[in-house]
Amino acid sequence: MATTIRHHGINIVTLHEGDDLVALCAPGDIVLEQDGTGWWTRFVDDDGRVESYDAPFENYNKALWTAKAAAEFQAE
């Protein structure tokens, strides 16, 4: 089950195994998702398209801090 925190009014959604990004996330959300290569930080745009950084982070905390920084920038 996905968990959501709000940072500066932006949802940061952490997906867990089996969670569906499209079903659980809305435009403007930042998504943290783990796969075999690491933790991805993804962004859902106004049209529902999803973009990611070029490479995953090695751990959840690095992905989360990056998502928080992006939320602060996005909230300005």
PDB file of N, CA and C in Angstrom:
ATOM      1  N   MET A   1       0.844  -1.173   0.000  1.00  0.00           N
ATOM      2  CA  MET A   1       0.000   0.000   0.000  1.00  0.00           C
ATOM      3  C   MET A   1       0.892   1.240   0.000  1.00  0.00           C
ATOM      4  N   ALA A   2       0.628   2.155  -0.900  1.00  0.00           N
ATOM      5  CA  ALA A   2       1.417   3.374  -1.029  1.00  0.00           C
ATOM      6  C   ALA A   2       1.272   4.248   0.212  1.00  0.00           C
ATOM      7  N   THR A   3       2.337   4.996   0.504  1.00  0.00           N
ATOM      8  CA  THR A   3       2.282   5.979   1.581  1.00  0.00           C
ATOM      9  C   THR A   3       2.522   7.357   0.984  1.00  0.00           C
ATOM     10  N   THR A   4       1.857   8.359   1.550  1.00  0.00           N
ATOM     11  CA  THR A   4       1.954   9.717   1.029  1.00  0.00           C
ATOM     12  C   THR A   4       2.305  10.676   2.151  1.00  0.00           C
ATOM     13  N   ILE A   5       3.270  11.544   1.874  1.00  0.00           N
ATOM     14  CA  ILE A   5       3.538  12.660   2.767  1.00  0.00           C
ATOM     15  C   ILE A   5       3.349  13.936   1.954  1.00  0.00           C
ATOM     16  N   ARG A   6       2.992  15.020   2.633  1.00  0.00           N
ATOM     17  CA  ARG A   6       2.871  16.319   1.964  1.00  0.00           C
ATOM     18  C   ARG A   6       4.040  17.180   2.416  1.00  0.00           C
ATOM     19  N   HIS A   7       4.715  17.751   1.439  1.00  0.00           N
ATOM     20  CA  HIS A   7       5.840  18.639   1.726  1.00  0.00           C
ATOM     21  C   HIS A   7       5.641  19.902   0.913  1.00  0.00           C
ATOM     22  N   HIS A   8       5.455  21.014   1.596  1.00  0.00           N
ATOM     23  CA  HIS A   8       5.177  22.301   0.943  1.00  0.00           C
ATOM     24  C   HIS A   8       3.967  22.200   0.014  1.00  0.00           C
ATOM     25  N   GLY A   9       2.980  21.422   0.434  1.00  0.00           N
ATOM     26  CA  GLY A   9       1.743  21.294  -0.332  1.00  0.00           C
ATOM     27  C   GLY A   9       1.804  20.326  -1.498  1.00  0.00           C
ATOM     28  N   ILE A  10       2.913  19.633  -1.656  1.00  0.00           N
ATOM     29  CA  ILE A  10       3.097  18.680  -2.758  1.00  0.00           C
ATOM     30  C   ILE A  10       3.074  17.261  -2.187  1.00  0.00           C
ATOM     31  N   ASN A  11       2.333  16.368  -2.836  1.00  0.00           N
ATOM     32  CA  ASN A  11       2.320  14.960  -2.420  1.00  0.00           C
ATOM     33  C   ASN A  11       3.594  14.262  -2.879  1.00  0.00           C
ATOM     34  N   ILE A  12       4.232  13.579  -1.944  1.00  0.00           N
ATOM     35  CA  ILE A  12       5.338  12.679  -2.267  1.00  0.00           C
ATOM     36  C   ILE A  12       4.824  11.281  -1.944  1.00  0.00           C
ATOM     37  N   VAL A  13       4.627  10.491  -2.987  1.00  0.00           N
ATOM     38  CA  VAL A  13       4.005   9.177  -2.865  1.00  0.00           C
ATOM     39  C   VAL A  13       5.082   8.101  -2.987  1.00  0.00           C
ATOM     40  N   THR A  14       5.200   7.269  -1.960  1.00  0.00           N
ATOM     41  CA  THR A  14       6.122   6.139  -2.008  1.00  0.00           C
ATOM     42  C   THR A  14       5.320   4.903  -2.373  1.00  0.00           C
ATOM     43  N   LEU A  15       5.656   4.334  -3.530  1.00  0.00           N
ATOM     44  CA  LEU A  15       4.972   3.128  -3.985  1.00  0.00           C
ATOM     45  C   LEU A  15       5.663   1.900  -3.404  1.00  0.00           C
ATOM     46  N   HIS A  16       4.871   0.899  -3.122  1.00  0.00           N
ATOM     47  CA  HIS A  16       5.382  -0.376  -2.635  1.00  0.00           C
ATOM     48  C   HIS A  16       5.118  -1.432  -3.703  1.00  0.00           C
ATOM     49  N   GLU A  17       5.723  -2.572  -3.562  1.00  0.00           N
ATOM     50  CA  GLU A  17       5.592  -3.629  -4.567  1.00  0.00           C
ATOM     51  C   GLU A  17       4.125  -3.899  -4.877  1.00  0.00           C
ATOM     52  N   GLY A  18       3.799  -3.880  -6.161  1.00  0.00           N
ATOM     53  CA  GLY A  18       2.439  -4.148  -6.607  1.00  0.00           C
ATOM     54  C   GLY A  18       1.559  -2.917  -6.740  1.00  0.00           C
ATOM     55  N   ASP A  19       2.016  -1.755  -6.230  1.00  0.00           N
ATOM     56  CA  ASP A  19       1.233  -0.524  -6.365  1.00  0.00           C
ATOM     57  C   ASP A  19       1.277  -0.029  -7.803  1.00  0.00           C
ATOM     58  N   ASP A  20       0.172   0.540  -8.257  1.00  0.00           N
ATOM     59  CA  ASP A  20       0.042   1.040  -9.625  1.00  0.00           C
ATOM     60  C   ASP A  20       0.159   2.561  -9.625  1.00  0.00           C
ATOM     61  N   LEU A  21       1.239   3.075 -10.187  1.00  0.00           N
ATOM     62  CA  LEU A  21       1.485   4.509 -10.222  1.00  0.00           C
ATOM     63  C   LEU A  21       0.318   5.262 -10.839  1.00  0.00           C
ATOM     64  N   VAL A  22      -0.182   4.809 -11.967  1.00  0.00           N
ATOM     65  CA  VAL A  22      -1.264   5.504 -12.671  1.00  0.00           C
ATOM     66  C   VAL A  22      -2.524   5.578 -11.815  1.00  0.00           C
ATOM     67  N   ALA A  23      -2.825   4.524 -11.086  1.00  0.00           N
ATOM     68  CA  ALA A  23      -4.044   4.493 -10.273  1.00  0.00           C
ATOM     69  C   ALA A  23      -3.917   5.305  -8.988  1.00  0.00           C
ATOM     70  N   LEU A  24      -2.703   5.443  -8.470  1.00  0.00           N
ATOM     71  CA  LEU A  24      -2.525   6.044  -7.147  1.00  0.00           C
ATOM     72  C   LEU A  24      -2.010   7.481  -7.155  1.00  0.00           C
ATOM     73  N   CYS A  25      -1.507   7.947  -8.286  1.00  0.00           N
ATOM     74  CA  CYS A  25      -0.861   9.257  -8.315  1.00  0.00           C
ATOM     75  C   CYS A  25      -1.598  10.216  -9.241  1.00  0.00           C
ATOM     76  N   ALA A  26      -1.522  11.494  -8.895  1.00  0.00           N
ATOM     77  CA  ALA A  26      -2.218  12.541  -9.639  1.00  0.00           C
ATOM     78  C   ALA A  26      -1.198  13.532 -10.200  1.00  0.00           C
ATOM     79  N   PRO A  27      -1.622  14.346 -11.170  1.00  0.00           N
ATOM     80  CA  PRO A  27      -0.729  15.385 -11.678  1.00  0.00           C
ATOM     81  C   PRO A  27      -0.180  16.252 -10.539  1.00  0.00           C
ATOM     82  N   GLY A  28       1.107  16.532 -10.612  1.00  0.00           N
ATOM     83  CA  GLY A  28       1.779  17.320  -9.591  1.00  0.00           C
ATOM     84  C   GLY A  28       2.444  16.491  -8.508  1.00  0.00           C
ATOM     85  N   ASP A  29       2.114  15.202  -8.434  1.00  0.00           N
ATOM     86  CA  ASP A  29       2.722  14.332  -7.428  1.00  0.00           C
ATOM     87  C   ASP A  29       4.167  14.006  -7.791  1.00  0.00           C
ATOM     88  N   ILE A  30       4.958  13.789  -6.758  1.00  0.00           N
ATOM     89  CA  ILE A  30       6.308  13.253  -6.906  1.00  0.00           C
ATOM     90  C   ILE A  30       6.245  11.824  -6.377  1.00  0.00           C
ATOM     91  N   VAL A  31       6.836  10.904  -7.114  1.00  0.00           N
ATOM     92  CA  VAL A  31       6.704   9.484  -6.795  1.00  0.00           C
ATOM     93  C   VAL A  31       8.076   8.882  -6.514  1.00  0.00           C
ATOM     94  N   LEU A  32       8.158   8.094  -5.457  1.00  0.00           N
ATOM     95  CA  LEU A  32       9.357   7.317  -5.155  1.00  0.00           C
ATOM     96  C   LEU A  32       9.021   5.854  -5.395  1.00  0.00           C
ATOM     97  N   GLU A  33       9.844   5.212  -6.211  1.00  0.00           N
ATOM     98  CA  GLU A  33       9.554   3.827  -6.593  1.00  0.00           C
ATOM     99  C   GLU A  33      10.855   3.035  -6.671  1.00  0.00           C
ATOM    100  N   GLN A  34      10.868   1.888  -6.022  1.00  0.00           N
ATOM    101  CA  GLN A  34      12.062   1.043  -6.008  1.00  0.00           C
ATOM    102  C   GLN A  34      11.951  -0.057  -7.048  1.00  0.00           C
ATOM    103  N   ASP A  35      13.078  -0.305  -7.717  1.00  0.00           N
ATOM    104  CA  ASP A  35      13.179  -1.488  -8.565  1.00  0.00           C
ATOM    105  C   ASP A  35      14.536  -2.124  -8.286  1.00  0.00           C
ATOM    106  N   GLY A  36      14.931  -3.058  -9.092  1.00  0.00           N
ATOM    107  CA  GLY A  36      16.179  -3.779  -8.852  1.00  0.00           C
ATOM    108  C   GLY A  36      17.437  -2.932  -8.936  1.00  0.00           C
ATOM    109  N   THR A  37      17.328  -1.727  -9.500  1.00  0.00           N
ATOM    110  CA  THR A  37      18.507  -0.875  -9.654  1.00  0.00           C
ATOM    111  C   THR A  37      18.612   0.209  -8.589  1.00  0.00           C
ATOM    112  N   GLY A  38      17.522   0.453  -7.839  1.00  0.00           N
ATOM    113  CA  GLY A  38      17.549   1.483  -6.804  1.00  0.00           C
ATOM    114  C   GLY A  38      16.215   2.183  -6.675  1.00  0.00           C
ATOM    115  N   TRP A  39      16.253   3.396  -6.111  1.00  0.00           N
ATOM    116  CA  TRP A  39      15.045   4.195  -5.873  1.00  0.00           C
ATOM    117  C   TRP A  39      14.929   5.297  -6.917  1.00  0.00           C
ATOM    118  N   TRP A  40      13.841   5.278  -7.661  1.00  0.00           N
ATOM    119  CA  TRP A  40      13.575   6.270  -8.700  1.00  0.00           C
ATOM    120  C   TRP A  40      12.727   7.409  -8.149  1.00  0.00           C
ATOM    121  N   THR A  41      13.057   8.617  -8.549  1.00  0.00           N
ATOM    122  CA  THR A  41      12.247   9.791  -8.242  1.00  0.00           C
ATOM    123  C   THR A  41      11.553  10.168  -9.542  1.00  0.00           C
ATOM    124  N   ARG A  42      10.218  10.104  -9.523  1.00  0.00           N
ATOM    125  CA  ARG A  42       9.421  10.341 -10.731  1.00  0.00           C
ATOM    126  C   ARG A  42       8.489  11.527 -10.494  1.00  0.00           C
ATOM    127  N   PHE A  43       8.110  12.180 -11.574  1.00  0.00           N
ATOM    128  CA  PHE A  43       7.261  13.363 -11.514  1.00  0.00           C
ATOM    129  C   PHE A  43       6.079  13.173 -12.453  1.00  0.00           C
ATOM    130  N   VAL A  44       4.866  13.401 -11.949  1.00  0.00           N
ATOM    131  CA  VAL A  44       3.654  13.285 -12.763  1.00  0.00           C
ATOM    132  C   VAL A  44       3.293  14.694 -13.224  1.00  0.00           C
ATOM    133  N   ASP A  45       3.290  14.919 -14.557  1.00  0.00           N
ATOM    134  CA  ASP A  45       2.999  16.264 -15.058  1.00  0.00           C
ATOM    135  C   ASP A  45       1.496  16.500 -15.176  1.00  0.00           C
ATOM    136  N   ASP A  46       1.123  17.684 -15.616  1.00  0.00           N
ATOM    137  CA  ASP A  46      -0.290  18.069 -15.684  1.00  0.00           C
ATOM    138  C   ASP A  46      -1.116  17.195 -16.623  1.00  0.00           C
ATOM    139  N   ASP A  47      -0.454  16.562 -17.593  1.00  0.00           N
ATOM    140  CA  ASP A  47      -1.152  15.685 -18.536  1.00  0.00           C
ATOM    141  C   ASP A  47      -1.123  14.224 -18.102  1.00  0.00           C
ATOM    142  N   GLY A  48      -0.565  13.953 -16.917  1.00  0.00           N
ATOM    143  CA  GLY A  48      -0.493  12.585 -16.420  1.00  0.00           C
ATOM    144  C   GLY A  48       0.722  11.814 -16.894  1.00  0.00           C
ATOM    145  N   ARG A  49       1.573  12.459 -17.688  1.00  0.00           N
ATOM    146  CA  ARG A  49       2.807  11.793 -18.128  1.00  0.00           C
ATOM    147  C   ARG A  49       3.789  11.740 -16.966  1.00  0.00           C
ATOM    148  N   VAL A  50       4.633  10.729 -16.980  1.00  0.00           N
ATOM    149  CA  VAL A  50       5.588  10.524 -15.892  1.00  0.00           C
ATOM    150  C   VAL A  50       7.006  10.671 -16.434  1.00  0.00           C
ATOM    151  N   GLU A  51       7.790  11.494 -15.746  1.00  0.00           N
ATOM    152  CA  GLU A  51       9.197  11.668 -16.089  1.00  0.00           C
ATOM    153  C   GLU A  51      10.035  11.293 -14.879  1.00  0.00           C
ATOM    154  N   SER A  52      11.276  10.914 -15.130  1.00  0.00           N
ATOM    155  CA  SER A  52      12.181  10.508 -14.051  1.00  0.00           C
ATOM    156  C   SER A  52      13.549  11.129 -14.275  1.00  0.00           C
ATOM    157  N   TYR A  53      14.340  11.143 -13.213  1.00  0.00           N
ATOM    158  CA  TYR A  53      15.749  11.465 -13.388  1.00  0.00           C
ATOM    159  C   TYR A  53      16.391  10.340 -14.193  1.00  0.00           C
ATOM    160  N   ASP A  54      17.606  10.576 -14.691  1.00  0.00           N
ATOM    161  CA  ASP A  54      18.275   9.609 -15.560  1.00  0.00           C
ATOM    162  C   ASP A  54      18.724   8.332 -14.859  1.00  0.00           C
ATOM    163  N   ALA A  55      18.885   8.396 -13.550  1.00  0.00           N
ATOM    164  CA  ALA A  55      19.382   7.233 -12.814  1.00  0.00           C
ATOM    165  C   ALA A  55      18.708   7.175 -11.444  1.00  0.00           C
ATOM    166  N   PRO A  56      18.595   5.976 -10.896  1.00  0.00           N
ATOM    167  CA  PRO A  56      17.990   5.844  -9.562  1.00  0.00           C
ATOM    168  C   PRO A  56      18.987   6.230  -8.468  1.00  0.00           C
ATOM    169  N   PHE A  57      18.454   6.487  -7.285  1.00  0.00           N
ATOM    170  CA  PHE A  57      19.291   6.729  -6.118  1.00  0.00           C
ATOM    171  C   PHE A  57      19.567   5.397  -5.437  1.00  0.00           C
ATOM    172  N   GLU A  58      20.682   5.333  -4.724  1.00  0.00           N
ATOM    173  CA  GLU A  58      21.082   4.064  -4.108  1.00  0.00           C
ATOM    174  C   GLU A  58      20.247   3.693  -2.896  1.00  0.00           C
ATOM    175  N   ASN A  59      19.570   4.685  -2.280  1.00  0.00           N
ATOM    176  CA  ASN A  59      18.741   4.348  -1.126  1.00  0.00           C
ATOM    177  C   ASN A  59      17.535   5.282  -1.029  1.00  0.00           C
ATOM    178  N   TYR A  60      16.588   4.877  -0.210  1.00  0.00           N
ATOM    179  CA  TYR A  60      15.335   5.617  -0.051  1.00  0.00           C
ATOM    180  C   TYR A  60      15.567   7.036   0.457  1.00  0.00           C
ATOM    181  N   ASN A  61      16.441   7.193   1.447  1.00  0.00           N
ATOM    182  CA  ASN A  61      16.651   8.517   2.032  1.00  0.00           C
ATOM    183  C   ASN A  61      17.155   9.531   1.014  1.00  0.00           C
ATOM    184  N   LYS A  62      18.063   9.133   0.137  1.00  0.00           N
ATOM    185  CA  LYS A  62      18.552  10.054  -0.894  1.00  0.00           C
ATOM    186  C   LYS A  62      17.430  10.425  -1.856  1.00  0.00           C
ATOM    187  N   ALA A  63      16.615   9.460  -2.228  1.00  0.00           N
ATOM    188  CA  ALA A  63      15.481   9.743  -3.117  1.00  0.00           C
ATOM    189  C   ALA A  63      14.482  10.667  -2.430  1.00  0.00           C
ATOM    190  N   LEU A  64      14.220  10.431  -1.144  1.00  0.00           N
ATOM    191  CA  LEU A  64      13.268  11.260  -0.407  1.00  0.00           C
ATOM    192  C   LEU A  64      13.763  12.692  -0.275  1.00  0.00           C
ATOM    193  N   TRP A  65      15.024  12.888   0.083  1.00  0.00           N
ATOM    194  CA  TRP A  65      15.544  14.253   0.222  1.00  0.00           C
ATOM    195  C   TRP A  65      15.517  14.980  -1.117  1.00  0.00           C
ATOM    196  N   THR A  66      15.779  14.275  -2.197  1.00  0.00           N
ATOM    197  CA  THR A  66      15.691  14.884  -3.519  1.00  0.00           C
ATOM    198  C   THR A  66      14.253  15.261  -3.832  1.00  0.00           C
ATOM    199  N   ALA A  67      13.310  14.392  -3.491  1.00  0.00           N
ATOM    200  CA  ALA A  67      11.891  14.687  -3.713  1.00  0.00           C
ATOM    201  C   ALA A  67      11.454  15.894  -2.894  1.00  0.00           C
ATOM    202  N   LYS A  68      11.929  15.995  -1.660  1.00  0.00           N
ATOM    203  CA  LYS A  68      11.578  17.149  -0.822  1.00  0.00           C
ATOM    204  C   LYS A  68      12.125  18.442  -1.416  1.00  0.00           C
ATOM    205  N   ALA A  69      13.352  18.411  -1.911  1.00  0.00           N
ATOM    206  CA  ALA A  69      13.925  19.601  -2.544  1.00  0.00           C
ATOM    207  C   ALA A  69      13.132  19.976  -3.792  1.00  0.00           C
ATOM    208  N   ALA A  70      12.740  18.985  -4.575  1.00  0.00           N
ATOM    209  CA  ALA A  70      11.937  19.253  -5.772  1.00  0.00           C
ATOM    210  C   ALA A  70      10.575  19.820  -5.399  1.00  0.00           C
ATOM    211  N   ALA A  71       9.986  19.329  -4.317  1.00  0.00           N
ATOM    212  CA  ALA A  71       8.690  19.844  -3.862  1.00  0.00           C
ATOM    213  C   ALA A  71       8.806  21.306  -3.452  1.00  0.00           C
ATOM    214  N   GLU A  72       9.887  21.664  -2.771  1.00  0.00           N
ATOM    215  CA  GLU A  72      10.095  23.056  -2.376  1.00  0.00           C
ATOM    216  C   GLU A  72      10.208  23.945  -3.608  1.00  0.00           C
ATOM    217  N   PHE A  73      10.944  23.488  -4.601  1.00  0.00           N
ATOM    218  CA  PHE A  73      11.095  24.245  -5.845  1.00  0.00           C
ATOM    219  C   PHE A  73       9.758  24.349  -6.574  1.00  0.00           C
ATOM    220  N   GLN A  74       9.035  23.250  -6.637  1.00  0.00           N
ATOM    221  CA  GLN A  74       7.744  23.202  -7.333  1.00  0.00           C
ATOM    222  C   GLN A  74       6.712  24.099  -6.655  1.00  0.00           C
ATOM    223  N   ALA A  75       6.797  24.245  -5.341  1.00  0.00           N
ATOM    224  CA  ALA A  75       5.817  25.025  -4.584  1.00  0.00           C
ATOM    225  C   ALA A  75       6.021  26.531  -4.738  1.00  0.00           C
ATOM    226  N   GLU A  76       7.177  26.960  -5.228  1.00  0.00           N
ATOM    227  CA  GLU A  76       7.450  28.400  -5.358  1.00  0.00           C
ATOM    228  C   GLU A  76       6.620  29.046  -6.435  1.00  0.00           C
TER     229      GLU A  76
END
